[in-house]
Amino acid sequence: MSEPDILGPEYESTILPLGHDAEGEVVATLVRRRAANHGGQAVLYLHGFTDYFFQRHLADFFVDAGFDFYALDLRKYGRSLRPHQTPGLVSSVTEYFTEIDEAVRIIREADGHGRLLINAHSTGGLIASLWADRVRGRGLIDAMVLNSPFLDLNVPAPIRHTTSALTGVLARLPLRARLPLEYSRVYGGSLHRDHHGEWDYNLAWKPMGGFPVHATWLAAIRRAQLRLQAGLAIDVPILVLAARKAMRLHRFTVQAHQADLVLNPEHMARWAPALGDHVTCVRFDDGIHDLILSPEPVRSRVFAEMDRWLSAYLAGWKVAVNESKSRRSSAHRECLVRQNMA
């Protein structure tokens, strides 16, 4: 049953029961905002780690283009986080497939949408990619847009290799065993309006210092990344969006608004071709990790590129901003991959 959502009267949310795991009852939450005339088309958004859906302007973009907008707060995140749960803790990213399957069923069967776009950010991009590979050939989705997907660990190569070799050991540690890893507060401070940013969101659901990293979770993420890097076969067009550069900062400076402080965009460019046979990668000068939260004018360029690509590869896409067609973008197209195209 749908209820009014925290984002206001235009939004409604539905709890999706998912049974139980080692910590107890599990749910996900499907948020929906209807377009005035959706024409049978919808988009499903998946958030990243230490995150949940709060980006109203992203929903505005799709609704204005005639798409019904849906977003999943995955299990143990945001609206779906329960007091007995460890935020974000799973032992395999395949656990998320259950709520994605149910969300897609609701969107297609219950709500009657004939076309579906997946839009996913960071860890959500990794999860969505493996899910899309699993359901290839079934016609469940028509295109994917990945915003700074988490395709590799942002650590030096020796540490990446060691982590890969130790995934089995990490997975066997106690479920809630934490790793001594620190999450910089600079990125969070660059976003939230009470600090150096322009966005308002729930700091309990998206804390400044991020959620603790657990060995079980890291093992699950690394297994998923290695599976992706071995090569997927997603059978729909994919747009990968990434910042121009990465940066590590120990305190806030204006540069925090001009780079990805979380992941390395070079990894995204490197591994984008492993997603499937039809992948376009676009990079943005001065983009940040969540590109749609980038300061202007970068944010407008991101939406213009999404509009341009969707107009080309998603038949019937209604131009959301008419002038976006004529606006020149400064995005860099560095890893365009179009293989086996008819």
C-alpha atoms as a PDB file:
ATOM      1  CA  MET A   1       0.000   0.000   0.000  1.00  0.00           C
ATOM      2  CA  SER A   2       1.368   3.417  -0.962  1.00  0.00           C
ATOM      3  CA  GLU A   3       1.707   6.221   1.555  1.00  0.00           C
ATOM      4  CA  PRO A   4       2.687   9.897   1.290  1.00  0.00           C
ATOM      5  CA  ASP A   5       6.457  10.244   1.085  1.00  0.00           C
ATOM      6  CA  ILE A   6       8.771  12.496   3.077  1.00  0.00           C
ATOM      7  CA  LEU A   7       9.596  14.510  -0.056  1.00  0.00           C
ATOM      8  CA  GLY A   8       6.128  16.006  -0.276  1.00  0.00           C
ATOM      9  CA  PRO A   9       2.713  15.630  -1.895  1.00  0.00           C
ATOM     10  CA  GLU A  10       4.037  14.783  -5.371  1.00  0.00           C
ATOM     11  CA  TYR A  11       5.707  11.652  -4.037  1.00  0.00           C
ATOM     12  CA  GLU A  12       4.429   8.397  -2.570  1.00  0.00           C
ATOM     13  CA  SER A  13       6.295   5.413  -1.172  1.00  0.00           C
ATOM     14  CA  THR A  14       5.576   1.705  -0.845  1.00  0.00           C
ATOM     15  CA  ILE A  15       7.244  -0.691   1.574  1.00  0.00           C
ATOM     16  CA  LEU A  16       8.450  -3.902  -0.083  1.00  0.00           C
ATOM     17  CA  PRO A  17       8.691  -6.796   2.438  1.00  0.00           C
ATOM     18  CA  LEU A  18      11.777  -8.908   1.776  1.00  0.00           C
ATOM     19  CA  GLY A  19      11.635 -11.551   4.483  1.00  0.00           C
ATOM     20  CA  HIS A  20      14.475 -11.946   6.973  1.00  0.00           C
ATOM     21  CA  ASP A  21      18.250 -12.113   6.991  1.00  0.00           C
ATOM     22  CA  ALA A  22      20.761 -12.717   9.796  1.00  0.00           C
ATOM     23  CA  GLU A  23      19.774  -9.405  11.438  1.00  0.00           C
ATOM     24  CA  GLY A  24      16.015  -9.894  11.227  1.00  0.00           C
ATOM     25  CA  GLU A  25      13.218  -8.432   9.128  1.00  0.00           C
ATOM     26  CA  VAL A  26      14.269  -6.728   5.871  1.00  0.00           C
ATOM     27  CA  VAL A  27      12.384  -4.248   3.691  1.00  0.00           C
ATOM     28  CA  ALA A  28      13.044  -1.967   0.752  1.00  0.00           C
ATOM     29  CA  THR A  29      11.103   1.186  -0.161  1.00  0.00           C
ATOM     30  CA  LEU A  30       9.882   2.134  -3.627  1.00  0.00           C
ATOM     31  CA  VAL A  31       9.325   5.868  -4.080  1.00  0.00           C
ATOM     32  CA  ARG A  32       7.149   7.046  -6.962  1.00  0.00           C
ATOM     33  CA  ARG A  33       6.361  10.357  -8.615  1.00  0.00           C
ATOM     34  CA  ARG A  34       3.949  10.318 -11.535  1.00  0.00           C
ATOM     35  CA  ALA A  35       4.279  12.400 -14.676  1.00  0.00           C
ATOM     36  CA  ALA A  36       1.254  14.245 -16.027  1.00  0.00           C
ATOM     37  CA  ASN A  37       1.389  12.024 -19.127  1.00  0.00           C
ATOM     38  CA  HIS A  38       3.935   9.228 -18.929  1.00  0.00           C
ATOM     39  CA  GLY A  39       3.046   7.447 -22.171  1.00  0.00           C
ATOM     40  CA  GLY A  40       3.972   4.076 -20.705  1.00  0.00           C
ATOM     41  CA  GLN A  41       7.580   4.968 -19.880  1.00  0.00           C
ATOM     42  CA  ALA A  42       9.350   4.996 -16.512  1.00  0.00           C
ATOM     43  CA  VAL A  43      12.773   5.320 -14.879  1.00  0.00           C
ATOM     44  CA  LEU A  44      14.051   3.476 -11.803  1.00  0.00           C
ATOM     45  CA  TYR A  45      16.798   5.156  -9.764  1.00  0.00           C
ATOM     46  CA  LEU A  46      19.245   3.284  -7.490  1.00  0.00           C
ATOM     47  CA  HIS A  47      21.369   5.196  -4.982  1.00  0.00           C
ATOM     48  CA  GLY A  48      24.908   4.538  -3.763  1.00  0.00           C
ATOM     49  CA  PHE A  49      26.600   3.602  -0.473  1.00  0.00           C
ATOM     50  CA  THR A  50      25.786   5.874   2.500  1.00  0.00           C
ATOM     51  CA  ASP A  51      22.932   7.278   0.471  1.00  0.00           C
ATOM     52  CA  TYR A  52      19.199   7.303  -0.252  1.00  0.00           C
ATOM     53  CA  PHE A  53      16.901   9.075  -2.700  1.00  0.00           C
ATOM     54  CA  PHE A  54      16.466  12.786  -1.972  1.00  0.00           C
ATOM     55  CA  GLN A  55      17.380  14.444  -5.301  1.00  0.00           C
ATOM     56  CA  ARG A  56      14.088  16.069  -6.305  1.00  0.00           C
ATOM     57  CA  HIS A  57      15.680  17.820  -9.275  1.00  0.00           C
ATOM     58  CA  LEU A  58      16.560  14.445 -10.795  1.00  0.00           C
ATOM     59  CA  ALA A  59      12.905  13.446 -10.596  1.00  0.00           C
ATOM     60  CA  ASP A  60      11.989  16.828 -12.109  1.00  0.00           C
ATOM     61  CA  PHE A  61      14.193  16.089 -15.127  1.00  0.00           C
ATOM     62  CA  PHE A  62      12.507  12.781 -15.889  1.00  0.00           C
ATOM     63  CA  VAL A  63       8.953  13.817 -15.040  1.00  0.00           C
ATOM     64  CA  ASP A  64       9.269  16.887 -17.255  1.00  0.00           C
ATOM     65  CA  ALA A  65      10.293  14.521 -20.059  1.00  0.00           C
ATOM     66  CA  GLY A  66       7.141  12.453 -19.579  1.00  0.00           C
ATOM     67  CA  PHE A  67       8.578   9.600 -17.503  1.00  0.00           C
ATOM     68  CA  ASP A  68       7.055   8.281 -14.315  1.00  0.00           C
ATOM     69  CA  PHE A  69       9.894   8.400 -11.794  1.00  0.00           C
ATOM     70  CA  TYR A  70      10.666   5.605  -9.319  1.00  0.00           C
ATOM     71  CA  ALA A  71      13.504   5.299  -6.825  1.00  0.00           C
ATOM     72  CA  LEU A  72      14.486   2.409  -4.570  1.00  0.00           C
ATOM     73  CA  ASP A  73      15.829   2.923  -1.098  1.00  0.00           C
ATOM     74  CA  LEU A  74      17.603  -0.420  -0.945  1.00  0.00           C
ATOM     75  CA  ARG A  75      17.516  -2.643   2.125  1.00  0.00           C
ATOM     76  CA  LYS A  76      19.250  -1.105   5.164  1.00  0.00           C
ATOM     77  CA  TYR A  77      19.395   2.365   3.625  1.00  0.00           C
ATOM     78  CA  GLY A  78      17.339   5.513   4.080  1.00  0.00           C
ATOM     79  CA  ARG A  79      13.626   4.888   4.351  1.00  0.00           C
ATOM     80  CA  SER A  80      14.302   1.147   4.541  1.00  0.00           C
ATOM     81  CA  LEU A  81      16.763   1.215   7.460  1.00  0.00           C
ATOM     82  CA  ARG A  82      15.371  -0.360  10.635  1.00  0.00           C
ATOM     83  CA  PRO A  83      16.707   0.013  14.232  1.00  0.00           C
ATOM     84  CA  HIS A  84      17.917  -3.606  14.397  1.00  0.00           C
ATOM     85  CA  GLN A  85      19.969  -3.302  11.199  1.00  0.00           C
ATOM     86  CA  THR A  86      23.569  -2.407  10.370  1.00  0.00           C
ATOM     87  CA  PRO A  87      23.438   0.286   7.665  1.00  0.00           C
ATOM     88  CA  GLY A  88      24.296  -1.056   4.223  1.00  0.00           C
ATOM     89  CA  LEU A  89      25.388  -4.490   5.437  1.00  0.00           C
ATOM     90  CA  VAL A  90      24.939  -7.380   2.987  1.00  0.00           C
ATOM     91  CA  SER A  91      27.004 -10.476   2.299  1.00  0.00           C
ATOM     92  CA  SER A  92      26.414 -10.362  -1.487  1.00  0.00           C
ATOM     93  CA  VAL A  93      25.191  -7.699  -3.889  1.00  0.00           C
ATOM     94  CA  THR A  94      22.840 -10.340  -5.294  1.00  0.00           C
ATOM     95  CA  GLU A  95      20.708  -9.822  -2.177  1.00  0.00           C
ATOM     96  CA  TYR A  96      19.581  -6.550  -3.757  1.00  0.00           C
ATOM     97  CA  PHE A  97      18.250  -8.373  -6.802  1.00  0.00           C
ATOM     98  CA  THR A  98      15.119  -9.302  -4.855  1.00  0.00           C
ATOM     99  CA  GLU A  99      13.965  -5.706  -4.402  1.00  0.00           C
ATOM    100  CA  ILE A 100      15.002  -4.709  -7.918  1.00  0.00           C
ATOM    101  CA  ASP A 101      13.013  -7.635  -9.323  1.00  0.00           C
ATOM    102  CA  GLU A 102       9.965  -6.589  -7.301  1.00  0.00           C
ATOM    103  CA  ALA A 103      10.297  -2.920  -8.220  1.00  0.00           C
ATOM    104  CA  VAL A 104      10.527  -3.788 -11.916  1.00  0.00           C
ATOM    105  CA  ARG A 105       7.526  -6.094 -11.603  1.00  0.00           C
ATOM    106  CA  ILE A 106       5.477  -3.286 -10.047  1.00  0.00           C
ATOM    107  CA  ILE A 107       6.609  -0.756 -12.644  1.00  0.00           C
ATOM    108  CA  ARG A 108       5.935  -3.018 -15.614  1.00  0.00           C
ATOM    109  CA  GLU A 109       3.057  -5.243 -14.537  1.00  0.00           C
ATOM    110  CA  ALA A 110       1.153  -3.399 -11.806  1.00  0.00           C
ATOM    111  CA  ASP A 111       1.662   0.119 -13.171  1.00  0.00           C
ATOM    112  CA  GLY A 112       1.669  -0.895 -16.836  1.00  0.00           C
ATOM    113  CA  HIS A 113       4.856   0.689 -18.190  1.00  0.00           C
ATOM    114  CA  GLY A 114       6.129  -0.702 -21.458  1.00  0.00           C
ATOM    115  CA  ARG A 115       9.580   0.905 -21.364  1.00  0.00           C
ATOM    116  CA  LEU A 116      11.993   1.237 -18.465  1.00  0.00           C
ATOM    117  CA  LEU A 117      15.269   3.089 -17.997  1.00  0.00           C
ATOM    118  CA  ILE A 118      17.615   2.275 -15.096  1.00  0.00           C
ATOM    119  CA  ASN A 119      19.505   5.246 -13.629  1.00  0.00           C
ATOM    120  CA  ALA A 120      22.015   4.343 -10.910  1.00  0.00           C
ATOM    121  CA  HIS A 121      24.740   6.072  -8.906  1.00  0.00           C
ATOM    122  CA  SER A 122      28.039   4.724  -7.523  1.00  0.00           C
ATOM    123  CA  THR A 123      27.462   1.412  -5.697  1.00  0.00           C
ATOM    124  CA  GLY A 124      23.989   1.413  -7.200  1.00  0.00           C
ATOM    125  CA  GLY A 125      25.671   1.405 -10.613  1.00  0.00           C
ATOM    126  CA  LEU A 126      27.628  -1.730  -9.720  1.00  0.00           C
ATOM    127  CA  ILE A 127      24.517  -3.469  -8.405  1.00  0.00           C
ATOM    128  CA  ALA A 128      22.380  -2.420 -11.370  1.00  0.00           C
ATOM    129  CA  SER A 129      24.999  -3.640 -13.840  1.00  0.00           C
ATOM    130  CA  LEU A 130      25.155  -7.149 -12.380  1.00  0.00           C
ATOM    131  CA  TRP A 131      21.363  -7.269 -12.160  1.00  0.00           C
ATOM    132  CA  ALA A 132      20.984  -6.145 -15.794  1.00  0.00           C
ATOM    133  CA  ASP A 133      23.447  -8.806 -16.901  1.00  0.00           C
ATOM    134  CA  ARG A 134      21.427 -11.453 -15.060  1.00  0.00           C
ATOM    135  CA  VAL A 135      18.144 -10.481 -16.763  1.00  0.00           C
ATOM    136  CA  ARG A 136      19.535  -9.927 -20.266  1.00  0.00           C
ATOM    137  CA  GLY A 137      17.347 -11.258 -23.030  1.00  0.00           C
ATOM    138  CA  ARG A 138      14.135 -10.812 -21.031  1.00  0.00           C
ATOM    139  CA  GLY A 139      13.287  -7.321 -22.280  1.00  0.00           C
ATOM    140  CA  LEU A 140      12.870  -5.872 -18.777  1.00  0.00           C
ATOM    141  CA  ILE A 141      14.871  -2.696 -19.397  1.00  0.00           C
ATOM    142  CA  ASP A 142      15.553  -0.535 -22.424  1.00  0.00           C
ATOM    143  CA  ALA A 143      18.607   1.525 -21.420  1.00  0.00           C
ATOM    144  CA  MET A 144      20.882   2.343 -18.485  1.00  0.00           C
ATOM    145  CA  VAL A 145      22.470   5.591 -17.266  1.00  0.00           C
ATOM    146  CA  LEU A 146      25.229   5.098 -14.683  1.00  0.00           C
ATOM    147  CA  ASN A 147      26.411   8.104 -12.668  1.00  0.00           C
ATOM    148  CA  SER A 148      29.979   7.531 -11.365  1.00  0.00           C
ATOM    149  CA  PRO A 149      29.565   3.755 -11.031  1.00  0.00           C
ATOM    150  CA  PHE A 150      31.685   1.903  -8.445  1.00  0.00           C
ATOM    151  CA  LEU A 151      33.566  -0.351 -10.867  1.00  0.00           C
ATOM    152  CA  ASP A 152      36.837  -0.614  -8.916  1.00  0.00           C
ATOM    153  CA  LEU A 153      38.332   0.170  -5.510  1.00  0.00           C
ATOM    154  CA  ASN A 154      39.865   3.622  -5.226  1.00  0.00           C
ATOM    155  CA  VAL A 155      43.086   2.419  -3.608  1.00  0.00           C
ATOM    156  CA  PRO A 156      46.605   1.769  -4.915  1.00  0.00           C
ATOM    157  CA  ALA A 157      46.955  -1.277  -7.161  1.00  0.00           C
ATOM    158  CA  PRO A 158      48.801  -3.433  -4.584  1.00  0.00           C
ATOM    159  CA  ILE A 159      45.969  -2.948  -2.089  1.00  0.00           C
ATOM    160  CA  ARG A 160      43.380  -3.771  -4.768  1.00  0.00           C
ATOM    161  CA  HIS A 161      45.214  -6.986  -5.589  1.00  0.00           C
ATOM    162  CA  THR A 162      45.544  -7.910  -1.918  1.00  0.00           C
ATOM    163  CA  THR A 163      41.856  -7.246  -1.301  1.00  0.00           C
ATOM    164  CA  SER A 164      40.959  -9.427  -4.279  1.00  0.00           C
ATOM    165  CA  ALA A 165      43.106 -12.253  -2.937  1.00  0.00           C
ATOM    166  CA  LEU A 166      41.587 -11.939   0.543  1.00  0.00           C
ATOM    167  CA  THR A 167      37.887 -11.745  -0.355  1.00  0.00           C
ATOM    168  CA  GLY A 168      37.332 -15.260   0.960  1.00  0.00           C
ATOM    169  CA  VAL A 169      39.028 -14.414   4.265  1.00  0.00           C
ATOM    170  CA  LEU A 170      37.058 -11.170   4.614  1.00  0.00           C
ATOM    171  CA  ALA A 171      33.781 -12.965   3.916  1.00  0.00           C
ATOM    172  CA  ARG A 172      34.450 -15.461   6.720  1.00  0.00           C
ATOM    173  CA  LEU A 173      34.994 -12.813   9.391  1.00  0.00           C
ATOM    174  CA  PRO A 174      32.127 -12.136  11.828  1.00  0.00           C
ATOM    175  CA  LEU A 175      29.189 -10.480  10.062  1.00  0.00           C
ATOM    176  CA  ARG A 176      29.614  -7.105  11.776  1.00  0.00           C
ATOM    177  CA  ALA A 177      33.424  -7.033  11.828  1.00  0.00           C
ATOM    178  CA  ARG A 178      34.544  -3.515  10.945  1.00  0.00           C
ATOM    179  CA  LEU A 179      37.627  -2.608   8.994  1.00  0.00           C
ATOM    180  CA  PRO A 180      39.887   0.215  10.246  1.00  0.00           C
ATOM    181  CA  LEU A 181      39.069   2.421   7.276  1.00  0.00           C
ATOM    182  CA  GLU A 182      38.249   6.097   7.602  1.00  0.00           C
ATOM    183  CA  TYR A 183      35.736   7.835   5.360  1.00  0.00           C
ATOM    184  CA  SER A 184      36.591  11.464   4.689  1.00  0.00           C
ATOM    185  CA  ARG A 185      34.064  14.010   5.904  1.00  0.00           C
ATOM    186  CA  VAL A 186      35.136  16.450   3.203  1.00  0.00           C
ATOM    187  CA  TYR A 187      32.771  15.073   0.553  1.00  0.00           C
ATOM    188  CA  GLY A 188      29.783  15.223   2.882  1.00  0.00           C
ATOM    189  CA  GLY A 189      30.762  18.716   3.928  1.00  0.00           C
ATOM    190  CA  SER A 190      30.931  19.791   0.302  1.00  0.00           C
ATOM    191  CA  LEU A 191      27.316  18.705  -0.233  1.00  0.00           C
ATOM    192  CA  HIS A 192      25.206  19.584   2.802  1.00  0.00           C
ATOM    193  CA  ARG A 193      23.830  23.113   3.046  1.00  0.00           C
ATOM    194  CA  ASP A 194      24.739  23.374   6.743  1.00  0.00           C
ATOM    195  CA  HIS A 195      28.402  23.174   5.760  1.00  0.00           C
ATOM    196  CA  HIS A 196      29.827  24.030   2.319  1.00  0.00           C
ATOM    197  CA  GLY A 197      27.117  22.695   0.009  1.00  0.00           C
ATOM    198  CA  GLU A 198      23.657  23.513  -1.297  1.00  0.00           C
ATOM    199  CA  TRP A 199      21.711  20.321  -0.561  1.00  0.00           C
ATOM    200  CA  ASP A 200      19.425  19.409   2.309  1.00  0.00           C
ATOM    201  CA  TYR A 201      19.139  15.756   3.313  1.00  0.00           C
ATOM    202  CA  ASN A 202      18.841  13.517   6.370  1.00  0.00           C
ATOM    203  CA  LEU A 203      22.254  13.262   8.025  1.00  0.00           C
ATOM    204  CA  ALA A 204      21.206  10.121   9.888  1.00  0.00           C
ATOM    205  CA  TRP A 205      20.640   8.399   6.541  1.00  0.00           C
ATOM    206  CA  LYS A 206      23.591  10.040   4.762  1.00  0.00           C
ATOM    207  CA  PRO A 207      26.070  10.908   7.535  1.00  0.00           C
ATOM    208  CA  MET A 208      28.961  13.262   6.959  1.00  0.00           C
ATOM    209  CA  GLY A 209      31.552  10.603   7.717  1.00  0.00           C
ATOM    210  CA  GLY A 210      29.784   7.788   5.879  1.00  0.00           C
ATOM    211  CA  PHE A 211      28.828   4.371   7.250  1.00  0.00           C
ATOM    212  CA  PRO A 212      31.485   2.070   8.732  1.00  0.00           C
ATOM    213  CA  VAL A 213      33.027  -0.368   6.271  1.00  0.00           C
ATOM    214  CA  HIS A 214      32.474  -4.008   7.245  1.00  0.00           C
ATOM    215  CA  ALA A 215      34.627  -6.887   6.023  1.00  0.00           C
ATOM    216  CA  THR A 216      31.576  -8.794   4.789  1.00  0.00           C
ATOM    217  CA  TRP A 217      30.393  -5.823   2.745  1.00  0.00           C
ATOM    218  CA  LEU A 218      33.829  -5.155   1.239  1.00  0.00           C
ATOM    219  CA  ALA A 219      34.173  -8.813   0.230  1.00  0.00           C
ATOM    220  CA  ALA A 220      30.757  -8.643  -1.448  1.00  0.00           C
ATOM    221  CA  ILE A 221      31.685  -5.477  -3.334  1.00  0.00           C
ATOM    222  CA  ARG A 222      35.033  -6.830  -4.473  1.00  0.00           C
ATOM    223  CA  ARG A 223      33.503 -10.087  -5.720  1.00  0.00           C
ATOM    224  CA  ALA A 224      30.967  -8.061  -7.689  1.00  0.00           C
ATOM    225  CA  GLN A 225      33.646  -5.822  -9.186  1.00  0.00           C
ATOM    226  CA  LEU A 226      35.773  -8.769 -10.253  1.00  0.00           C
ATOM    227  CA  ARG A 227      32.744 -10.379 -11.871  1.00  0.00           C
ATOM    228  CA  LEU A 228      32.061  -7.171 -13.794  1.00  0.00           C
ATOM    229  CA  GLN A 229      35.690  -6.724 -14.804  1.00  0.00           C
ATOM    230  CA  ALA A 230      35.706 -10.246 -16.241  1.00  0.00           C
ATOM    231  CA  GLY A 231      33.082  -9.000 -18.704  1.00  0.00           C
ATOM    232  CA  LEU A 232      29.309  -8.671 -18.662  1.00  0.00           C
ATOM    233  CA  ALA A 233      26.914  -8.875 -21.614  1.00  0.00           C
ATOM    234  CA  ILE A 234      24.268  -6.257 -20.845  1.00  0.00           C
ATOM    235  CA  ASP A 235      22.097  -6.097 -23.950  1.00  0.00           C
ATOM    236  CA  VAL A 236      20.853  -2.498 -23.839  1.00  0.00           C
ATOM    237  CA  PRO A 237      22.629   0.832 -24.528  1.00  0.00           C
ATOM    238  CA  ILE A 238      24.532   2.154 -21.509  1.00  0.00           C
ATOM    239  CA  LEU A 239      25.654   5.703 -20.713  1.00  0.00           C
ATOM    240  CA  VAL A 240      28.469   5.998 -18.161  1.00  0.00           C
ATOM    241  CA  LEU A 241      28.953   9.462 -16.677  1.00  0.00           C
ATOM    242  CA  ALA A 242      32.136  10.332 -14.771  1.00  0.00           C
ATOM    243  CA  ALA A 243      34.056  13.330 -13.508  1.00  0.00           C
ATOM    244  CA  ARG A 244      37.229  14.495 -15.216  1.00  0.00           C
ATOM    245  CA  LYS A 245      39.488  13.992 -12.193  1.00  0.00           C
ATOM    246  CA  ALA A 246      39.781  12.474  -8.729  1.00  0.00           C
ATOM    247  CA  MET A 247      41.200  14.179  -5.672  1.00  0.00           C
ATOM    248  CA  ARG A 248      41.964  13.396  -2.040  1.00  0.00           C
ATOM    249  CA  LEU A 249      41.432  16.231   0.437  1.00  0.00           C
ATOM    250  CA  HIS A 250      41.869  16.224   4.214  1.00  0.00           C
ATOM    251  CA  ARG A 251      40.012  19.484   4.685  1.00  0.00           C
ATOM    252  CA  PHE A 252      37.528  21.470   2.647  1.00  0.00           C
ATOM    253  CA  THR A 253      38.768  23.747  -0.121  1.00  0.00           C
ATOM    254  CA  VAL A 254      36.981  25.022  -3.218  1.00  0.00           C
ATOM    255  CA  GLN A 255      38.542  22.093  -5.088  1.00  0.00           C
ATOM    256  CA  ALA A 256      36.066  19.811  -3.308  1.00  0.00           C
ATOM    257  CA  HIS A 257      33.454  21.220  -5.700  1.00  0.00           C
ATOM    258  CA  GLN A 258      35.565  20.368  -8.743  1.00  0.00           C
ATOM    259  CA  ALA A 259      36.535  16.684  -8.485  1.00  0.00           C
ATOM    260  CA  ASP A 260      35.393  13.214  -7.459  1.00  0.00           C
ATOM    261  CA  LEU A 261      36.493  12.834  -3.819  1.00  0.00           C
ATOM    262  CA  VAL A 262      35.190   9.265  -3.486  1.00  0.00           C
ATOM    263  CA  LEU A 263      36.134   7.179  -6.545  1.00  0.00           C
ATOM    264  CA  ASN A 264      38.600   7.369  -9.429  1.00  0.00           C
ATOM    265  CA  PRO A 265      36.968   8.292 -12.762  1.00  0.00           C
ATOM    266  CA  GLU A 266      39.867   6.627 -14.607  1.00  0.00           C
ATOM    267  CA  HIS A 267      38.616   3.294 -13.276  1.00  0.00           C
ATOM    268  CA  MET A 268      35.150   4.033 -14.649  1.00  0.00           C
ATOM    269  CA  ALA A 269      36.585   4.830 -18.077  1.00  0.00           C
ATOM    270  CA  ARG A 270      38.753   1.719 -17.983  1.00  0.00           C
ATOM    271  CA  TRP A 271      36.013  -0.735 -17.051  1.00  0.00           C
ATOM    272  CA  ALA A 272      33.033   0.803 -18.876  1.00  0.00           C
ATOM    273  CA  PRO A 273      33.657  -1.383 -21.966  1.00  0.00           C
ATOM    274  CA  ALA A 274      33.308  -4.488 -19.775  1.00  0.00           C
ATOM    275  CA  LEU A 275      29.613  -3.743 -19.240  1.00  0.00           C
ATOM    276  CA  GLY A 276      28.391  -4.754 -22.684  1.00  0.00           C
ATOM    277  CA  ASP A 277      28.636  -4.160 -26.414  1.00  0.00           C
ATOM    278  CA  HIS A 278      27.094  -0.684 -26.537  1.00  0.00           C
ATOM    279  CA  VAL A 279      28.616   1.702 -24.005  1.00  0.00           C
ATOM    280  CA  THR A 280      29.125   5.466 -24.175  1.00  0.00           C
ATOM    281  CA  CYS A 281      31.300   7.208 -21.589  1.00  0.00           C
ATOM    282  CA  VAL A 282      31.129  10.961 -21.024  1.00  0.00           C
ATOM    283  CA  ARG A 283      33.378  12.847 -18.611  1.00  0.00           C
ATOM    284  CA  PHE A 284      32.882  16.296 -17.117  1.00  0.00           C
ATOM    285  CA  ASP A 285      35.366  18.970 -16.171  1.00  0.00           C
ATOM    286  CA  ASP A 286      34.745  20.071 -12.550  1.00  0.00           C
ATOM    287  CA  GLY A 287      32.250  17.256 -11.933  1.00  0.00           C
ATOM    288  CA  ILE A 288      31.967  15.749  -8.444  1.00  0.00           C
ATOM    289  CA  HIS A 289      31.192  12.187  -7.368  1.00  0.00           C
ATOM    290  CA  ASP A 290      27.419  12.463  -7.612  1.00  0.00           C
ATOM    291  CA  LEU A 291      27.435  14.387 -10.853  1.00  0.00           C
ATOM    292  CA  ILE A 292      23.860  15.636 -10.565  1.00  0.00           C
ATOM    293  CA  LEU A 293      24.849  17.342  -7.297  1.00  0.00           C
ATOM    294  CA  SER A 294      27.730  19.172  -8.991  1.00  0.00           C
ATOM    295  CA  PRO A 295      27.635  22.971  -8.718  1.00  0.00           C
ATOM    296  CA  GLU A 296      26.364  24.865 -11.732  1.00  0.00           C
ATOM    297  CA  PRO A 297      27.081  25.034 -14.610  1.00  0.00           C
ATOM    298  CA  VAL A 298      28.348  21.449 -14.482  1.00  0.00           C
ATOM    299  CA  ARG A 299      25.015  20.108 -13.282  1.00  0.00           C
ATOM    300  CA  SER A 300      23.196  21.550 -16.298  1.00  0.00           C
ATOM    301  CA  ARG A 301      25.792  20.028 -18.627  1.00  0.00           C
ATOM    302  CA  VAL A 302      25.225  16.625 -17.049  1.00  0.00           C
ATOM    303  CA  PHE A 303      21.491  16.830 -17.637  1.00  0.00           C
ATOM    304  CA  ALA A 304      22.054  18.126 -21.180  1.00  0.00           C
ATOM    305  CA  GLU A 305      24.272  15.123 -21.967  1.00  0.00           C
ATOM    306  CA  MET A 306      21.709  12.740 -20.502  1.00  0.00           C
ATOM    307  CA  ASP A 307      19.031  14.376 -22.638  1.00  0.00           C
ATOM    308  CA  ARG A 308      21.195  14.199 -25.757  1.00  0.00           C
ATOM    309  CA  TRP A 309      22.062  10.528 -25.279  1.00  0.00           C
ATOM    310  CA  LEU A 310      18.529   9.471 -24.394  1.00  0.00           C
ATOM    311  CA  SER A 311      17.215  11.293 -27.447  1.00  0.00           C
ATOM    312  CA  ALA A 312      19.560   9.202 -29.573  1.00  0.00           C
ATOM    313  CA  TYR A 313      19.213   5.794 -27.948  1.00  0.00           C
ATOM    314  CA  LEU A 314      15.824   5.638 -26.257  1.00  0.00           C
ATOM    315  CA  ALA A 315      13.173   5.864 -28.959  1.00  0.00           C
ATOM    316  CA  GLY A 316      10.457   8.361 -28.208  1.00  0.00           C
ATOM    317  CA  TRP A 317      12.423  10.241 -25.544  1.00  0.00           C
ATOM    318  CA  LYS A 318      10.748  13.599 -25.104  1.00  0.00           C
ATOM    319  CA  VAL A 319      13.234  16.454 -24.875  1.00  0.00           C
ATOM    320  CA  ALA A 320      12.992  17.806 -21.335  1.00  0.00           C
ATOM    321  CA  VAL A 321      14.696  21.111 -22.030  1.00  0.00           C
ATOM    322  CA  ASN A 322      14.227  22.294 -25.600  1.00  0.00           C
ATOM    323  CA  GLU A 323      17.329  24.434 -25.705  1.00  0.00           C
ATOM    324  CA  SER A 324      19.538  21.568 -24.538  1.00  0.00           C
ATOM    325  CA  LYS A 325      19.792  20.389 -28.147  1.00  0.00           C
ATOM    326  CA  SER A 326      21.532  23.565 -29.216  1.00  0.00           C
ATOM    327  CA  ARG A 327      23.630  24.070 -26.089  1.00  0.00           C
ATOM    328  CA  ARG A 328      27.254  23.040 -26.609  1.00  0.00           C
ATOM    329  CA  SER A 329      28.570  20.812 -23.833  1.00  0.00           C
ATOM    330  CA  SER A 330      32.153  20.825 -22.575  1.00  0.00           C
ATOM    331  CA  ALA A 331      31.932  17.157 -21.681  1.00  0.00           C
ATOM    332  CA  HIS A 332      34.791  14.961 -22.807  1.00  0.00           C
ATOM    333  CA  ARG A 333      33.928  11.834 -24.783  1.00  0.00           C
ATOM    334  CA  GLU A 334      36.922   9.663 -24.090  1.00  0.00           C
ATOM    335  CA  CYS A 335      35.755   6.097 -23.869  1.00  0.00           C
ATOM    336  CA  LEU A 336      33.107   5.747 -26.534  1.00  0.00           C
ATOM    337  CA  VAL A 337      32.617   2.046 -27.198  1.00  0.00           C
ATOM    338  CA  ARG A 338      30.197   0.785 -29.817  1.00  0.00           C
ATOM    339  CA  GLN A 339      30.898  -2.807 -30.647  1.00  0.00           C
ATOM    340  CA  ASN A 340      28.864  -5.232 -32.717  1.00  0.00           C
ATOM    341  CA  MET A 341      26.364  -2.544 -33.651  1.00  0.00           C
ATOM    342  CA  ALA A 342      24.114  -3.179 -36.620  1.00  0.00           C
END
